[in-house]
Amino acid sequence: MIVPAIGIGPLGKSEWSVGTLGTSIPSTTGTEKSGSSFGDTLTSAINSLESSQNTASVDAQQLATGQISDPTTAIEAVENASLSMDFAAQLRNQIDTAATTLFQTQL
């Protein structure tokens, strides 16, 4: 029996994209380095998470006060922020587990 494919819903291709890491970035020393550092990537991800949380908060307040005309916009923003936070928590747990395993490895 073949299971039919399940659609991913109304999200477009850009919603599922993770971007590129191999771009050329000029450094402060005048030389170019390939990609960005882990710290830069992590900072960018945290800033994006914070931005989605702020957007969801503003949209939820506007929905509660009747200032927003399309309630689906607020619901979408809150759901995206919730999913982003869930993903960040899972990622943190996986990194914690990996670090614990690494530190407990005996050579």
Protein backbone atom coordinates (compact mmCIF):
# COMPACT_ATOMS: atom_id res chain seq x y z
CA MET A 1 0.00 0.00 0.00
CA ILE A 2 1.38 3.38 -1.01
CA VAL A 3 0.82 6.27 1.36
CA PRO A 4 -0.17 9.46 -0.48
CA ALA A 5 2.10 12.47 -0.16
CA ILE A 6 1.10 15.09 2.36
CA GLY A 7 1.22 18.72 1.26
CA ILE A 8 3.16 21.21 3.34
CA GLY A 9 0.39 23.76 3.29
CA PRO A 10 0.39 27.37 2.15
CA LEU A 11 4.04 28.03 3.00
CA GLY A 12 6.18 28.89 0.03
CA LYS A 13 9.64 27.66 -0.88
CA SER A 14 11.30 30.55 0.96
CA GLU A 15 9.69 29.49 4.23
CA TRP A 16 11.64 26.21 4.10
CA SER A 17 14.96 27.64 2.95
CA VAL A 18 17.92 27.70 5.32
CA GLY A 19 20.05 30.01 3.20
CA THR A 20 23.71 29.65 2.29
CA LEU A 21 26.75 29.56 4.53
CA GLY A 22 29.49 29.65 1.90
CA THR A 23 29.27 33.28 0.87
CA SER A 24 32.34 35.43 0.76
CA ILE A 25 32.48 37.97 3.58
CA PRO A 26 35.07 40.74 3.69
CA SER A 27 36.87 40.86 7.02
CA THR A 28 38.25 43.85 8.89
CA THR A 29 41.83 42.89 7.96
CA GLY A 30 41.18 43.29 4.24
CA THR A 31 41.23 39.58 3.45
CA GLU A 32 38.12 37.62 2.62
CA LYS A 33 37.01 34.60 4.57
CA SER A 34 34.56 32.00 3.36
CA GLY A 35 31.30 31.76 5.32
CA SER A 36 30.49 33.32 8.63
CA SER A 37 31.60 32.24 12.05
CA PHE A 38 29.47 30.09 14.29
CA GLY A 39 29.05 33.03 16.67
CA ASP A 40 27.77 35.27 13.88
CA THR A 41 25.32 32.61 12.73
CA LEU A 42 24.10 32.03 16.29
CA THR A 43 23.72 35.76 16.92
CA SER A 44 21.73 36.14 13.72
CA ALA A 45 19.45 33.23 14.67
CA ILE A 46 18.82 34.66 18.14
CA ASN A 47 18.08 38.09 16.69
CA SER A 48 15.63 36.51 14.26
CA LEU A 49 13.96 34.63 17.12
CA GLU A 50 13.68 37.81 19.17
CA SER A 51 12.24 39.67 16.19
CA SER A 52 9.56 37.02 15.63
CA GLN A 53 8.66 37.13 19.33
CA ASN A 54 8.34 40.93 19.24
CA THR A 55 6.20 40.82 16.09
CA ALA A 56 3.91 38.21 17.65
CA SER A 57 3.56 40.30 20.80
CA VAL A 58 2.65 43.46 18.88
CA ASP A 59 0.20 41.59 16.63
CA ALA A 60 -1.45 39.86 19.60
CA GLN A 61 -1.90 43.21 21.37
CA GLN A 62 -3.39 44.76 18.23
CA LEU A 63 -5.74 41.80 17.85
CA ALA A 64 -6.87 42.11 21.47
CA THR A 65 -7.55 45.83 21.14
CA GLY A 66 -9.26 45.53 17.75
CA GLN A 67 -6.61 47.53 15.89
CA ILE A 68 -5.88 44.81 13.35
CA SER A 69 -8.20 44.21 10.41
CA ASP A 70 -7.10 40.67 9.49
CA PRO A 71 -6.93 38.33 12.51
CA THR A 72 -5.13 35.64 10.50
CA THR A 73 -2.07 37.88 10.38
CA ALA A 74 -1.83 37.93 14.15
CA ILE A 75 -2.51 34.21 14.45
CA GLU A 76 0.18 33.46 11.87
CA ALA A 77 2.72 35.66 13.66
CA VAL A 78 2.00 34.05 17.03
CA GLU A 79 2.19 30.53 15.57
CA ASN A 80 5.47 31.30 13.76
CA ALA A 81 6.95 32.68 16.98
CA SER A 82 5.79 29.61 18.89
CA LEU A 83 7.29 27.23 16.34
CA SER A 84 10.54 29.21 16.30
CA MET A 85 10.79 29.03 20.08
CA ASP A 86 10.05 25.29 20.07
CA PHE A 87 12.74 24.75 17.45
CA ALA A 88 15.26 26.82 19.41
CA ALA A 89 14.51 24.83 22.58
CA GLN A 90 14.96 21.52 20.74
CA LEU A 91 18.20 22.75 19.20
CA ARG A 92 19.49 23.84 22.62
CA ASN A 93 18.62 20.43 24.08
CA GLN A 94 20.42 18.63 21.25
CA ILE A 95 23.52 20.80 21.65
CA ASP A 96 23.47 20.20 25.41
CA THR A 97 23.19 16.45 24.91
CA ALA A 98 26.01 16.45 22.35
CA ALA A 99 28.28 18.53 24.61
CA THR A 100 27.58 16.27 27.59
CA THR A 101 28.37 13.19 25.51
CA LEU A 102 31.56 14.78 24.20
CA PHE A 103 32.77 15.77 27.66
CA GLN A 104 32.04 12.31 29.07
CA THR A 105 34.01 10.57 26.31
CA GLN A 106 37.19 9.04 27.71
CA LEU A 107 40.27 8.98 25.57
